[in-house]
Every structure is written in C-alpha cells, then in structure tokens.
Amino acid sequence: MARQIEYDPLALQETMMKVFWAQGYAETSLSDIESATGLNRRQLYNGVGDKRQMFLGALDDFSALAGRRFLAQLESDEAGVADIETLLRTFLELALTPDGPTGCLVCSSSQEEIASDADVASRIDTYFDRIRDAYFNALRRAVNRGDLALTDAQVASRAEALFGTHVALCILGRAGRPVEQLKRMVDQALEDIA
C-alpha cells in the first residue's frame, strides 16, 4: 500500500491561491502548481481535484481573505466616509509596494476566458456584489449618523460609483498605471461622495 504524503491543507490552499493570483488561471500550469506546492499531479488531484477545482478554491480563499482585509470595516455598524477614504488610499499604497501591485484575483479573473464558467462567474458576481454592498453600508451608516445628506437613490448611485472605482484601482494598479493617475481617481471618487 502506497504511503500517503502528509501536507498542511491550509498551507496548500494558500500556496495555490498565490500562484493563481500571480499568474491568472490561463497562465498557470499544473507544473507551476506542482513546483509551488511540492506535490505531484496525482497528489493534487486526489487531495484537491483538477485545475478548475483548485482555481475555484483559490477564488473562495481570496474572497475570504480580501473580505476580511479590505471590506470588513466598510461592512461594520460603525462604517463611514473615513473608512471609504482609508480603503481607497490603501489601494494607492499597495500600487507602490516594492514587489509590485498584485491587484485583485477576482477582478483579474473577471477578464479571463474562465469567467464564462458558471461556477467562476457566480463567485465573481458574489464578490463584486459584496464590494458594492460594503460601500452602500458605509454610506448608509454615514447618512444615518447625519454625516452625509443623501437620498436613498444617491446612496445607491454613489455605492455603484465607488464599486467601479474600487475595481478600476485593482485592475489599473496591477497594470502598473502611474500612481498619480490612480490618486486622481481616488480624489475624484471621494469628492463625488458628498
């Protein structure tokens, strides 16, 4: 009987997520995943599934990670305009990291052919809705506290605009657009809130 290879499933998930995040679905080969994880195809297939299953898991892991890191504060009861500004300016800082901007795995994946897969599309839509809803929550909380004077329709339209800015910053930051251009986008988005 063949001996089972021991590995940490959480470390494996994180490694696969990082590979897909760096390279995208189409550019990631099974050899890349083998090399990064130290496991062979058979072990990967038996433990996780095929490349598509690995990618779906990576999208789920990224959505959870990015949700905690970037969206949780906007989703809180205390959220407001300051939290929106902090998040958008964080994207500017990330665009300047020495290792280069990594962008958003979900945003990048939405531009790939794999996005037409129903399970992938569902995950992308769910995460995009979460981004929009997080901005909506922060704006709604600010209105309820009297920090902003906006109608329900204005809250909804500004949340959509902030969602668009958020996604654009992730994609354009990863593409290496000049930070000054990204900064102008952030400044305009913040000016448009009031």
Protein backbone atom coordinates (compact mmCIF):
# COMPACT_ATOMS: atom_id res chain seq x y z
CA MET A 1 0.00 0.00 0.00
CA ALA A 2 1.38 3.41 -1.01
CA ARG A 3 2.26 5.79 1.79
CA GLN A 4 0.13 8.96 1.90
CA ILE A 5 2.08 12.20 1.66
CA GLU A 6 1.45 14.45 4.65
CA TYR A 7 0.79 18.12 3.94
CA ASP A 8 -0.92 21.05 5.59
CA PRO A 9 -4.19 21.63 3.70
CA LEU A 10 -4.34 25.31 4.71
CA ALA A 11 -0.78 25.94 3.52
CA LEU A 12 -1.61 24.11 0.28
CA GLN A 13 -4.68 26.30 -0.31
CA GLU A 14 -2.70 29.45 0.38
CA THR A 15 0.08 28.41 -2.00
CA MET A 16 -2.35 27.60 -4.81
CA MET A 17 -4.16 30.90 -4.28
CA LYS A 18 -0.86 32.80 -4.55
CA VAL A 19 0.06 31.03 -7.78
CA PHE A 20 -3.29 31.80 -9.44
CA TRP A 21 -3.21 35.35 -8.05
CA ALA A 22 0.22 36.00 -9.54
CA GLN A 23 -0.32 34.31 -12.90
CA GLY A 24 -4.05 34.01 -13.55
CA TYR A 25 -5.92 30.87 -14.49
CA ALA A 26 -4.85 30.55 -18.12
CA GLU A 27 -1.17 31.17 -17.45
CA THR A 28 -0.97 28.76 -14.50
CA SER A 29 0.02 25.25 -15.49
CA LEU A 30 -0.22 22.14 -13.37
CA SER A 31 3.57 22.11 -13.44
CA ASP A 32 3.53 25.57 -11.82
CA ILE A 33 1.26 24.28 -9.07
CA GLU A 34 3.38 21.15 -8.60
CA SER A 35 6.50 23.27 -8.32
CA ALA A 36 4.96 25.71 -5.85
CA THR A 37 3.34 23.08 -3.62
CA GLY A 38 5.91 20.29 -3.81
CA LEU A 39 3.12 17.83 -4.63
CA ASN A 40 2.70 15.91 -7.87
CA ARG A 41 -0.43 15.91 -10.03
CA ARG A 42 -1.77 12.70 -8.62
CA GLN A 43 -1.46 14.01 -5.07
CA LEU A 44 -3.08 17.29 -6.08
CA TYR A 45 -5.92 15.58 -7.93
CA ASN A 46 -6.55 13.18 -5.05
CA GLY A 47 -6.42 15.96 -2.45
CA VAL A 48 -7.98 18.94 -4.19
CA GLY A 49 -9.27 17.99 -7.61
CA ASP A 50 -8.45 19.19 -11.10
CA LYS A 51 -7.10 22.62 -12.04
CA ARG A 52 -10.59 24.10 -12.21
CA GLN A 53 -11.38 22.88 -8.68
CA MET A 54 -8.08 24.29 -7.47
CA PHE A 55 -8.98 27.62 -9.03
CA LEU A 56 -12.48 27.67 -7.53
CA GLY A 57 -10.90 27.06 -4.13
CA ALA A 58 -8.41 29.85 -4.77
CA LEU A 59 -11.24 32.27 -5.62
CA ASP A 60 -13.06 31.29 -2.41
CA ASP A 61 -9.90 31.70 -0.35
CA PHE A 62 -9.08 35.05 -1.93
CA SER A 63 -12.63 36.34 -1.42
CA ALA A 64 -12.49 35.43 2.26
CA LEU A 65 -9.02 36.95 2.71
CA ALA A 66 -9.78 40.17 0.83
CA GLY A 67 -13.15 40.44 2.54
CA ARG A 68 -11.50 40.38 5.95
CA ARG A 69 -8.66 42.67 4.93
CA PHE A 70 -10.48 45.26 2.83
CA LEU A 71 -14.25 45.05 3.20
CA ALA A 72 -14.93 44.14 6.83
CA GLN A 73 -14.55 47.70 8.11
CA LEU A 74 -16.96 49.01 5.45
CA GLU A 75 -19.42 46.30 6.44
CA SER A 76 -19.38 47.20 10.13
CA ASP A 77 -22.03 49.17 12.00
CA GLU A 78 -19.50 51.95 12.61
CA ALA A 79 -18.51 52.34 8.94
CA GLY A 80 -18.45 55.75 7.34
CA VAL A 81 -16.74 58.06 4.88
CA ALA A 82 -13.39 57.89 6.69
CA ASP A 83 -13.35 54.12 6.19
CA ILE A 84 -14.06 54.55 2.48
CA GLU A 85 -11.18 57.00 2.18
CA THR A 86 -8.85 54.71 4.13
CA LEU A 87 -9.64 51.78 1.84
CA LEU A 88 -9.20 53.70 -1.40
CA ARG A 89 -5.92 55.21 -0.21
CA THR A 90 -4.76 51.74 0.84
CA PHE A 91 -5.03 50.71 -2.81
CA LEU A 92 -2.69 53.57 -3.70
CA GLU A 93 -0.16 52.33 -1.15
CA LEU A 94 -0.43 48.79 -2.49
CA ALA A 95 0.32 50.05 -6.00
CA LEU A 96 3.66 51.30 -4.65
CA THR A 97 4.80 48.09 -2.94
CA PRO A 98 8.36 47.01 -3.80
CA ASP A 99 7.16 43.65 -5.16
CA GLY A 100 4.75 45.42 -7.47
CA PRO A 101 0.99 45.65 -7.32
CA THR A 102 -0.83 42.34 -7.10
CA GLY A 103 -4.31 43.66 -7.74
CA CYS A 104 -7.35 41.54 -7.02
CA LEU A 105 -7.59 37.90 -8.05
CA VAL A 106 -11.34 38.21 -8.58
CA CYS A 107 -11.05 41.39 -10.66
CA SER A 108 -8.28 39.89 -12.79
CA SER A 109 -10.19 36.63 -13.21
CA SER A 110 -13.24 38.51 -14.45
CA GLN A 111 -11.16 39.44 -17.52
CA GLU A 112 -10.17 35.85 -18.33
CA GLU A 113 -11.97 33.31 -20.50
CA ILE A 114 -12.58 31.15 -17.40
CA ALA A 115 -15.02 33.85 -16.21
CA SER A 116 -17.62 32.33 -18.56
CA ASP A 117 -17.64 29.16 -16.42
CA ALA A 118 -20.87 29.26 -14.40
CA ASP A 119 -19.20 28.48 -11.06
CA VAL A 120 -16.47 31.05 -11.63
CA ALA A 121 -18.98 33.68 -12.80
CA SER A 122 -21.10 33.07 -9.69
CA ARG A 123 -18.10 33.62 -7.41
CA ILE A 124 -17.11 36.78 -9.27
CA ASP A 125 -20.67 38.16 -9.10
CA THR A 126 -20.94 37.34 -5.40
CA TYR A 127 -17.67 39.10 -4.58
CA PHE A 128 -18.49 42.11 -6.76
CA ASP A 129 -21.88 42.39 -5.04
CA ARG A 130 -20.12 42.26 -1.68
CA ILE A 131 -17.85 45.15 -2.68
CA ARG A 132 -20.80 47.28 -3.80
CA ASP A 133 -22.83 46.37 -0.72
CA ALA A 134 -19.91 47.26 1.58
CA TYR A 135 -19.74 50.77 0.11
CA PHE A 136 -23.51 51.03 0.33
CA ASN A 137 -23.38 50.08 4.01
CA ALA A 138 -20.69 52.66 4.81
CA LEU A 139 -22.62 55.41 3.03
CA ARG A 140 -25.95 54.38 4.60
CA ARG A 141 -24.37 54.40 8.08
CA ALA A 142 -22.90 57.86 7.42
CA VAL A 143 -26.33 59.14 6.36
CA ASN A 144 -27.99 57.62 9.42
CA ARG A 145 -25.49 59.38 11.69
CA GLY A 146 -26.04 62.69 9.90
CA ASP A 147 -22.54 62.78 8.39
CA LEU A 148 -23.95 62.88 4.86
CA ALA A 149 -27.21 64.23 3.44
CA LEU A 150 -28.07 61.81 0.64
CA THR A 151 -31.30 60.28 -0.59
CA ASP A 152 -31.64 56.50 -0.92
CA ALA A 153 -31.14 56.82 -4.68
CA GLN A 154 -27.97 58.88 -4.16
CA VAL A 155 -26.58 56.35 -1.69
CA ALA A 156 -27.19 53.58 -4.24
CA SER A 157 -25.64 55.50 -7.14
CA ARG A 158 -22.59 56.54 -5.13
CA ALA A 159 -22.10 52.96 -3.93
CA GLU A 160 -22.11 51.84 -7.58
CA ALA A 161 -19.58 54.54 -8.49
CA LEU A 162 -17.32 53.57 -5.58
CA PHE A 163 -17.57 49.93 -6.62
CA GLY A 164 -16.42 50.96 -10.10
CA THR A 165 -13.52 52.95 -8.67
CA HIS A 166 -12.54 50.04 -6.41
CA VAL A 167 -12.40 47.56 -9.29
CA ALA A 168 -10.64 50.04 -11.58
CA LEU A 169 -7.97 50.70 -8.95
CA CYS A 170 -7.35 46.97 -8.56
CA ILE A 171 -7.04 46.39 -12.31
CA LEU A 172 -5.14 49.58 -13.18
CA GLY A 173 -2.85 49.26 -10.17
CA ARG A 174 -1.87 45.76 -11.24
CA ALA A 175 -1.37 47.02 -14.79
CA GLY A 176 1.21 49.45 -13.48
CA ARG A 177 -0.61 52.68 -14.31
CA PRO A 178 1.01 55.79 -12.81
CA VAL A 179 0.13 56.27 -9.16
CA GLU A 180 -0.71 59.93 -9.84
CA GLN A 181 -3.46 58.78 -12.18
CA LEU A 182 -4.81 56.41 -9.53
CA LYS A 183 -4.61 59.19 -6.94
CA ARG A 184 -6.72 61.48 -9.14
CA MET A 185 -9.32 58.72 -9.41
CA VAL A 186 -9.41 58.34 -5.63
CA ASP A 187 -9.63 62.10 -5.05
CA GLN A 188 -12.49 62.41 -7.54
CA ALA A 189 -14.35 59.46 -6.04
CA LEU A 190 -14.10 60.97 -2.56
CA GLU A 191 -15.16 64.40 -3.81
CA ASP A 192 -18.21 62.84 -5.50
CA ILE A 193 -19.48 61.24 -2.29
CA ALA A 194 -20.88 64.41 -0.74
